Amino acid sequence: MDWSLDQKTFFYIDSLSLTVDAFDYDSDSGRLGNRRVVYHLAEGEGLPDGMTVDADGRLWVAIYNGGRVLNIDPETGVCLQTVSLPVTKTTSCCFGGPDFSDLYVTSASLGLDQSERRKQPLAGGVFRVSGLGVKGRPSVSFSG
């Protein structure tokens, strides 16, 4: 889950439907409406999991059982960039570092058998990806 830069759009991942969805958000009432699909993964490409929004308003979506993070333009639904990782179970991502130019990606190892663990010794780790040419923003805090 994350918000557009103007806080008027709420982004939500429906992993089992393989979609990243957007809702209009009314900050006065707190209501969501106008649900629409921003991006749909094809069957067998993995499951969209955690995400973040960069300083340009683009989505970065970790693909569980896909070993990558997708950079998606929420206006066009186009995947602009793919960041591949040496593990299959990428779980979430966020920007960090002094100027928010590093993408941090979490992963899981649960469910990997011994053979898969040998092939993916870094599974369960956190990865820092730099040099993407984009910056993130501080996370939105929720106070209740």
N, C-alpha and C. Protein backbone atom coordinates (compact mmCIF):
# COMPACT_ATOMS: atom_id res chain seq x y z
N MET A 1 0.84 -1.17 0.00
CA MET A 1 0.00 0.00 0.00
C MET A 1 0.89 1.24 0.00
N ASP A 2 0.44 2.23 -0.73
CA ASP A 2 1.13 3.52 -0.70
C ASP A 2 0.21 4.57 -1.32
N TRP A 3 0.66 5.79 -1.28
CA TRP A 3 -0.15 6.92 -1.73
C TRP A 3 0.56 7.66 -2.85
N SER A 4 -0.23 8.31 -3.70
CA SER A 4 0.33 9.19 -4.73
C SER A 4 0.96 10.40 -4.04
N LEU A 5 1.75 11.14 -4.79
CA LEU A 5 2.43 12.29 -4.22
C LEU A 5 1.46 13.33 -3.66
N ASP A 6 0.31 13.49 -4.30
CA ASP A 6 -0.67 14.47 -3.84
C ASP A 6 -1.65 13.90 -2.81
N GLN A 7 -1.45 12.64 -2.43
CA GLN A 7 -2.29 11.95 -1.44
C GLN A 7 -3.74 11.77 -1.89
N LYS A 8 -4.01 11.89 -3.18
CA LYS A 8 -5.38 11.75 -3.68
C LYS A 8 -5.65 10.38 -4.29
N THR A 9 -4.60 9.58 -4.43
CA THR A 9 -4.75 8.22 -4.96
C THR A 9 -4.09 7.24 -4.01
N PHE A 10 -4.80 6.19 -3.69
CA PHE A 10 -4.31 5.12 -2.83
C PHE A 10 -4.00 3.92 -3.71
N PHE A 11 -2.78 3.40 -3.60
CA PHE A 11 -2.37 2.23 -4.38
C PHE A 11 -2.39 1.00 -3.48
N TYR A 12 -2.91 -0.08 -4.01
CA TYR A 12 -3.12 -1.31 -3.26
C TYR A 12 -2.74 -2.50 -4.12
N ILE A 13 -2.04 -3.45 -3.52
CA ILE A 13 -1.69 -4.67 -4.24
C ILE A 13 -2.64 -5.79 -3.83
N ASP A 14 -3.25 -6.40 -4.81
CA ASP A 14 -4.10 -7.58 -4.61
C ASP A 14 -3.31 -8.76 -5.16
N SER A 15 -2.50 -9.36 -4.31
CA SER A 15 -1.56 -10.40 -4.75
C SER A 15 -2.25 -11.56 -5.45
N LEU A 16 -3.34 -12.04 -4.89
CA LEU A 16 -3.99 -13.22 -5.47
C LEU A 16 -4.65 -12.92 -6.82
N SER A 17 -5.02 -11.68 -7.05
CA SER A 17 -5.57 -11.29 -8.35
C SER A 17 -4.49 -10.85 -9.33
N LEU A 18 -3.24 -10.81 -8.84
CA LEU A 18 -2.07 -10.42 -9.65
C LEU A 18 -2.15 -8.97 -10.12
N THR A 19 -2.78 -8.10 -9.33
CA THR A 19 -2.96 -6.72 -9.77
C THR A 19 -2.42 -5.70 -8.77
N VAL A 20 -2.06 -4.56 -9.34
CA VAL A 20 -1.81 -3.35 -8.57
C VAL A 20 -2.99 -2.45 -8.90
N ASP A 21 -3.73 -2.05 -7.89
CA ASP A 21 -4.94 -1.26 -8.08
C ASP A 21 -4.78 0.14 -7.53
N ALA A 22 -5.57 1.05 -8.05
CA ALA A 22 -5.60 2.43 -7.55
C ALA A 22 -7.04 2.77 -7.17
N PHE A 23 -7.16 3.60 -6.16
CA PHE A 23 -8.45 4.12 -5.71
C PHE A 23 -8.33 5.63 -5.60
N ASP A 24 -9.38 6.34 -5.93
CA ASP A 24 -9.45 7.75 -5.59
C ASP A 24 -9.65 7.82 -4.09
N TYR A 25 -9.01 8.80 -3.45
CA TYR A 25 -9.12 8.95 -2.00
C TYR A 25 -9.62 10.35 -1.66
N ASP A 26 -10.66 10.40 -0.86
CA ASP A 26 -11.22 11.66 -0.38
C ASP A 26 -10.73 11.87 1.05
N SER A 27 -9.80 12.80 1.23
CA SER A 27 -9.21 13.00 2.56
C SER A 27 -10.21 13.58 3.56
N ASP A 28 -11.23 14.27 3.09
CA ASP A 28 -12.23 14.83 4.01
C ASP A 28 -13.08 13.73 4.64
N SER A 29 -13.50 12.77 3.84
CA SER A 29 -14.37 11.70 4.35
C SER A 29 -13.59 10.43 4.70
N GLY A 30 -12.37 10.29 4.15
CA GLY A 30 -11.60 9.07 4.35
C GLY A 30 -12.07 7.92 3.47
N ARG A 31 -12.90 8.22 2.50
CA ARG A 31 -13.48 7.17 1.65
C ARG A 31 -12.63 6.93 0.41
N LEU A 32 -12.65 5.65 0.00
CA LEU A 32 -12.01 5.23 -1.24
C LEU A 32 -13.09 4.97 -2.28
N GLY A 33 -12.78 5.22 -3.54
CA GLY A 33 -13.72 4.94 -4.62
C GLY A 33 -13.01 4.80 -5.94
N ASN A 34 -13.76 4.46 -6.97
CA ASN A 34 -13.24 4.37 -8.33
C ASN A 34 -12.04 3.41 -8.43
N ARG A 35 -12.22 2.19 -7.93
CA ARG A 35 -11.15 1.20 -8.01
C ARG A 35 -10.87 0.85 -9.46
N ARG A 36 -9.58 0.81 -9.79
CA ARG A 36 -9.16 0.47 -11.15
C ARG A 36 -7.82 -0.25 -11.11
N VAL A 37 -7.57 -1.07 -12.11
CA VAL A 37 -6.32 -1.81 -12.21
C VAL A 37 -5.28 -0.91 -12.87
N VAL A 38 -4.14 -0.78 -12.21
CA VAL A 38 -3.02 -0.02 -12.76
C VAL A 38 -2.09 -0.95 -13.54
N TYR A 39 -1.89 -2.16 -13.01
CA TYR A 39 -0.97 -3.11 -13.65
C TYR A 39 -1.45 -4.52 -13.31
N HIS A 40 -1.37 -5.41 -14.29
CA HIS A 40 -1.79 -6.80 -14.11
C HIS A 40 -0.65 -7.70 -14.57
N LEU A 41 -0.18 -8.55 -13.66
CA LEU A 41 0.85 -9.53 -14.03
C LEU A 41 0.19 -10.71 -14.72
N ALA A 42 0.91 -11.30 -15.63
CA ALA A 42 0.42 -12.51 -16.29
C ALA A 42 0.60 -13.70 -15.35
N GLU A 43 -0.25 -14.69 -15.50
CA GLU A 43 -0.15 -15.93 -14.72
C GLU A 43 1.25 -16.50 -14.89
N GLY A 44 1.88 -16.90 -13.78
CA GLY A 44 3.20 -17.50 -13.82
C GLY A 44 4.35 -16.52 -13.70
N GLU A 45 4.06 -15.22 -13.64
CA GLU A 45 5.12 -14.21 -13.50
C GLU A 45 5.47 -13.91 -12.05
N GLY A 46 4.78 -14.54 -11.12
CA GLY A 46 4.97 -14.25 -9.71
C GLY A 46 3.80 -13.44 -9.18
N LEU A 47 3.90 -13.08 -7.91
CA LEU A 47 2.82 -12.34 -7.24
C LEU A 47 3.30 -10.95 -6.86
N PRO A 48 2.55 -9.91 -7.20
CA PRO A 48 2.93 -8.59 -6.69
C PRO A 48 2.81 -8.61 -5.17
N ASP A 49 3.79 -8.03 -4.49
CA ASP A 49 3.80 -8.09 -3.03
C ASP A 49 3.90 -6.67 -2.47
N GLY A 50 5.02 -6.30 -1.89
CA GLY A 50 5.14 -4.96 -1.32
C GLY A 50 5.51 -3.92 -2.37
N MET A 51 5.26 -2.65 -2.04
CA MET A 51 5.60 -1.59 -2.99
C MET A 51 5.92 -0.29 -2.29
N THR A 52 6.49 0.62 -3.08
CA THR A 52 6.74 1.98 -2.65
C THR A 52 6.53 2.90 -3.85
N VAL A 53 6.43 4.19 -3.58
CA VAL A 53 6.27 5.20 -4.62
C VAL A 53 7.50 6.11 -4.58
N ASP A 54 8.09 6.38 -5.75
CA ASP A 54 9.27 7.25 -5.78
C ASP A 54 8.88 8.72 -5.86
N ALA A 55 9.89 9.59 -5.88
CA ALA A 55 9.66 11.04 -5.88
C ALA A 55 9.02 11.54 -7.16
N ASP A 56 9.00 10.72 -8.21
CA ASP A 56 8.33 11.07 -9.47
C ASP A 56 6.91 10.51 -9.54
N GLY A 57 6.48 9.83 -8.48
CA GLY A 57 5.13 9.27 -8.44
C GLY A 57 5.00 7.91 -9.09
N ARG A 58 6.12 7.28 -9.40
CA ARG A 58 6.07 5.96 -10.04
C ARG A 58 6.15 4.86 -8.98
N LEU A 59 5.55 3.72 -9.30
CA LEU A 59 5.48 2.60 -8.36
C LEU A 59 6.67 1.67 -8.54
N TRP A 60 7.13 1.12 -7.44
CA TRP A 60 8.16 0.08 -7.43
C TRP A 60 7.54 -1.09 -6.69
N VAL A 61 7.37 -2.21 -7.39
CA VAL A 61 6.60 -3.35 -6.87
C VAL A 61 7.48 -4.59 -6.82
N ALA A 62 7.63 -5.16 -5.62
CA ALA A 62 8.38 -6.41 -5.46
C ALA A 62 7.51 -7.57 -5.95
N ILE A 63 8.11 -8.47 -6.71
CA ILE A 63 7.39 -9.61 -7.28
C ILE A 63 7.84 -10.89 -6.58
N TYR A 64 6.99 -11.39 -5.70
CA TYR A 64 7.26 -12.62 -4.96
C TYR A 64 7.20 -13.80 -5.92
N ASN A 65 8.16 -14.70 -5.81
CA ASN A 65 8.34 -15.82 -6.74
C ASN A 65 8.65 -15.33 -8.16
N GLY A 66 9.14 -14.11 -8.25
CA GLY A 66 9.53 -13.54 -9.54
C GLY A 66 10.95 -13.00 -9.53
N GLY A 67 11.52 -12.82 -8.34
CA GLY A 67 12.91 -12.40 -8.23
C GLY A 67 13.22 -11.03 -8.80
N ARG A 68 12.26 -10.12 -8.72
CA ARG A 68 12.52 -8.81 -9.31
C ARG A 68 11.60 -7.76 -8.69
N VAL A 69 11.94 -6.52 -9.02
CA VAL A 69 11.12 -5.36 -8.66
C VAL A 69 10.80 -4.65 -9.96
N LEU A 70 9.53 -4.30 -10.15
CA LEU A 70 9.09 -3.60 -11.35
C LEU A 70 8.86 -2.13 -11.04
N ASN A 71 9.30 -1.26 -11.93
CA ASN A 71 9.02 0.17 -11.85
C ASN A 71 7.89 0.45 -12.83
N ILE A 72 6.75 0.85 -12.30
CA ILE A 72 5.52 0.99 -13.10
C ILE A 72 5.04 2.44 -13.09
N ASP A 73 4.69 2.94 -14.26
CA ASP A 73 4.07 4.25 -14.36
C ASP A 73 2.57 4.07 -14.09
N PRO A 74 2.05 4.61 -12.99
CA PRO A 74 0.64 4.37 -12.65
C PRO A 74 -0.34 5.08 -13.59
N GLU A 75 0.13 6.04 -14.34
CA GLU A 75 -0.75 6.75 -15.28
C GLU A 75 -0.99 5.94 -16.55
N THR A 76 0.06 5.24 -17.02
CA THR A 76 -0.03 4.50 -18.28
C THR A 76 -0.13 2.99 -18.10
N GLY A 77 0.26 2.50 -16.90
CA GLY A 77 0.28 1.06 -16.67
C GLY A 77 1.45 0.36 -17.32
N VAL A 78 2.45 1.12 -17.74
CA VAL A 78 3.61 0.57 -18.43
C VAL A 78 4.72 0.28 -17.43
N CYS A 79 5.35 -0.89 -17.57
CA CYS A 79 6.53 -1.23 -16.78
C CYS A 79 7.72 -0.52 -17.42
N LEU A 80 8.35 0.38 -16.69
CA LEU A 80 9.44 1.19 -17.21
C LEU A 80 10.80 0.55 -17.01
N GLN A 81 10.91 -0.26 -15.98
CA GLN A 81 12.21 -0.82 -15.61
C GLN A 81 11.99 -2.07 -14.77
N THR A 82 12.92 -3.00 -14.90
CA THR A 82 12.92 -4.21 -14.08
C THR A 82 14.26 -4.32 -13.38
N VAL A 83 14.23 -4.53 -12.08
CA VAL A 83 15.43 -4.76 -11.29
C VAL A 83 15.42 -6.22 -10.87
N SER A 84 16.36 -7.00 -11.41
CA SER A 84 16.45 -8.43 -11.07
C SER A 84 17.33 -8.62 -9.85
N LEU A 85 16.98 -9.60 -9.04
CA LEU A 85 17.73 -9.90 -7.82
C LEU A 85 18.12 -11.37 -7.82
N PRO A 86 19.13 -11.75 -7.01
CA PRO A 86 19.61 -13.13 -7.01
C PRO A 86 18.79 -14.07 -6.13
N VAL A 87 17.53 -13.72 -5.90
CA VAL A 87 16.61 -14.54 -5.09
C VAL A 87 15.25 -14.51 -5.76
N THR A 88 14.43 -15.52 -5.51
CA THR A 88 13.11 -15.56 -6.15
C THR A 88 12.03 -14.88 -5.32
N LYS A 89 12.15 -14.95 -4.01
CA LYS A 89 11.06 -14.50 -3.14
C LYS A 89 11.27 -13.06 -2.65
N THR A 90 11.23 -12.10 -3.57
CA THR A 90 11.30 -10.70 -3.18
C THR A 90 9.96 -10.32 -2.55
N THR A 91 10.01 -9.58 -1.44
CA THR A 91 8.79 -9.34 -0.67
C THR A 91 8.35 -7.88 -0.61
N SER A 92 9.27 -6.96 -0.49
CA SER A 92 8.88 -5.55 -0.41
C SER A 92 10.08 -4.67 -0.74
N CYS A 93 9.83 -3.37 -0.80
CA CYS A 93 10.91 -2.45 -1.12
C CYS A 93 10.59 -1.06 -0.58
N CYS A 94 11.65 -0.29 -0.37
CA CYS A 94 11.51 1.11 0.03
C CYS A 94 12.79 1.84 -0.34
N PHE A 95 12.72 3.14 -0.44
CA PHE A 95 13.90 3.93 -0.72
C PHE A 95 14.50 4.40 0.59
N GLY A 96 15.83 4.51 0.60
CA GLY A 96 16.53 4.96 1.79
C GLY A 96 17.88 5.54 1.42
N GLY A 97 18.71 5.73 2.42
CA GLY A 97 20.00 6.37 2.23
C GLY A 97 19.87 7.86 2.48
N PRO A 98 21.00 8.56 2.51
CA PRO A 98 20.98 9.99 2.85
C PRO A 98 20.07 10.83 1.96
N ASP A 99 19.97 10.48 0.68
CA ASP A 99 19.12 11.26 -0.24
C ASP A 99 18.02 10.40 -0.87
N PHE A 100 17.74 9.27 -0.27
CA PHE A 100 16.68 8.35 -0.73
C PHE A 100 16.92 7.85 -2.16
N SER A 101 18.19 7.70 -2.54
CA SER A 101 18.48 7.22 -3.90
C SER A 101 18.79 5.72 -3.95
N ASP A 102 18.78 5.05 -2.81
CA ASP A 102 19.00 3.61 -2.77
C ASP A 102 17.66 2.90 -2.58
N LEU A 103 17.45 1.86 -3.35
CA LEU A 103 16.25 1.03 -3.20
C LEU A 103 16.62 -0.18 -2.35
N TYR A 104 15.94 -0.36 -1.25
CA TYR A 104 16.16 -1.52 -0.38
C TYR A 104 15.05 -2.53 -0.65
N VAL A 105 15.46 -3.77 -0.86
CA VAL A 105 14.51 -4.83 -1.22
C VAL A 105 14.65 -5.97 -0.21
N THR A 106 13.53 -6.36 0.39
CA THR A 106 13.54 -7.49 1.31
C THR A 106 13.18 -8.77 0.55
N SER A 107 13.58 -9.89 1.13
CA SER A 107 13.29 -11.18 0.51
C SER A 107 12.99 -12.21 1.59
N ALA A 108 12.48 -13.34 1.16
CA ALA A 108 12.14 -14.43 2.09
C ALA A 108 12.88 -15.70 1.69
N SER A 109 13.05 -16.57 2.66
CA SER A 109 13.62 -17.89 2.39
C SER A 109 12.65 -19.00 2.77
N LEU A 110 11.60 -18.66 3.49
CA LEU A 110 10.61 -19.64 3.92
C LEU A 110 10.01 -20.34 2.71
N GLY A 111 9.97 -21.65 2.76
CA GLY A 111 9.39 -22.42 1.66
C GLY A 111 10.40 -22.91 0.64
N LEU A 112 11.65 -22.47 0.76
CA LEU A 112 12.68 -22.97 -0.15
C LEU A 112 13.20 -24.30 0.38
N ASP A 113 13.33 -25.28 -0.50
CA ASP A 113 13.92 -26.55 -0.05
C ASP A 113 15.45 -26.40 -0.03
N GLN A 114 16.15 -27.44 0.41
CA GLN A 114 17.61 -27.36 0.56
C GLN A 114 18.30 -27.07 -0.76
N SER A 115 17.82 -27.65 -1.83
CA SER A 115 18.41 -27.41 -3.15
C SER A 115 18.26 -25.94 -3.56
N GLU A 116 17.07 -25.39 -3.34
CA GLU A 116 16.83 -23.98 -3.67
C GLU A 116 17.65 -23.06 -2.79
N ARG A 117 17.81 -23.42 -1.52
CA ARG A 117 18.62 -22.60 -0.61
C ARG A 117 20.08 -22.57 -1.04
N ARG A 118 20.58 -23.72 -1.54
CA ARG A 118 21.96 -23.75 -2.04
C ARG A 118 22.12 -22.84 -3.26
N LYS A 119 21.10 -22.79 -4.10
CA LYS A 119 21.16 -21.94 -5.30
C LYS A 119 20.94 -20.47 -4.96
N GLN A 120 20.30 -20.21 -3.83
CA GLN A 120 19.97 -18.84 -3.42
C GLN A 120 20.45 -18.59 -1.99
N PRO A 121 21.77 -18.58 -1.78
CA PRO A 121 22.26 -18.42 -0.40
C PRO A 121 21.91 -17.08 0.23
N LEU A 122 21.54 -16.10 -0.56
CA LEU A 122 21.19 -14.79 -0.03
C LEU A 122 19.69 -14.63 0.25
N ALA A 123 18.92 -15.68 -0.01
CA ALA A 123 17.47 -15.62 0.24
C ALA A 123 17.21 -15.31 1.71
N GLY A 124 16.27 -14.43 1.95
CA GLY A 124 15.96 -13.98 3.30
C GLY A 124 16.70 -12.71 3.67
N GLY A 125 17.57 -12.26 2.79
CA GLY A 125 18.36 -11.05 3.04
C GLY A 125 17.69 -9.79 2.53
N VAL A 126 18.34 -8.69 2.85
CA VAL A 126 17.92 -7.37 2.37
C VAL A 126 18.97 -6.89 1.37
N PHE A 127 18.52 -6.37 0.25
CA PHE A 127 19.41 -5.93 -0.82
C PHE A 127 19.32 -4.42 -0.98
N ARG A 128 20.47 -3.81 -1.24
CA ARG A 128 20.50 -2.38 -1.56
C ARG A 128 20.84 -2.25 -3.04
N VAL A 129 19.99 -1.54 -3.77
CA VAL A 129 20.20 -1.32 -5.20
C VAL A 129 20.44 0.18 -5.38
N SER A 130 21.59 0.52 -5.95
CA SER A 130 21.89 1.93 -6.17
C SER A 130 22.11 2.18 -7.66
N GLY A 131 22.18 3.43 -8.03
CA GLY A 131 22.42 3.79 -9.42
C GLY A 131 21.20 3.70 -10.31
N LEU A 132 20.01 3.75 -9.74
CA LEU A 132 18.78 3.64 -10.54
C LEU A 132 18.40 4.95 -11.23
N GLY A 133 18.98 6.05 -10.78
CA GLY A 133 18.65 7.34 -11.38
C GLY A 133 17.35 7.94 -10.90
N VAL A 134 16.81 7.41 -9.82
CA VAL A 134 15.58 7.94 -9.23
C VAL A 134 15.79 8.09 -7.73
N LYS A 135 14.91 8.84 -7.12
CA LYS A 135 14.95 9.00 -5.67
C LYS A 135 13.58 8.68 -5.10
N GLY A 136 13.60 8.22 -3.89
CA GLY A 136 12.37 7.95 -3.18
C GLY A 136 11.98 9.14 -2.34
N ARG A 137 11.17 8.88 -1.36
CA ARG A 137 10.70 9.90 -0.44
C ARG A 137 10.49 9.24 0.91
N PRO A 138 10.45 10.01 1.96
CA PRO A 138 10.19 9.40 3.27
C PRO A 138 8.83 8.69 3.26
N SER A 139 8.73 7.64 4.03
CA SER A 139 7.48 6.90 4.12
C SER A 139 6.40 7.77 4.76
N VAL A 140 5.17 7.50 4.36
CA VAL A 140 4.03 8.21 4.93
C VAL A 140 3.70 7.57 6.28
N SER A 141 3.64 8.38 7.32
CA SER A 141 3.30 7.86 8.64
C SER A 141 1.79 7.84 8.82
N PHE A 142 1.34 6.86 9.56
CA PHE A 142 -0.08 6.74 9.87
C PHE A 142 -0.23 6.87 11.37
N SER A 143 -1.08 7.76 11.79
CA SER A 143 -1.19 8.03 13.23
C SER A 143 -2.49 7.52 13.85
N GLY A 144 -3.21 6.70 13.15
CA GLY A 144 -4.35 6.14 13.81
C GLY A 144 -5.57 6.09 13.00
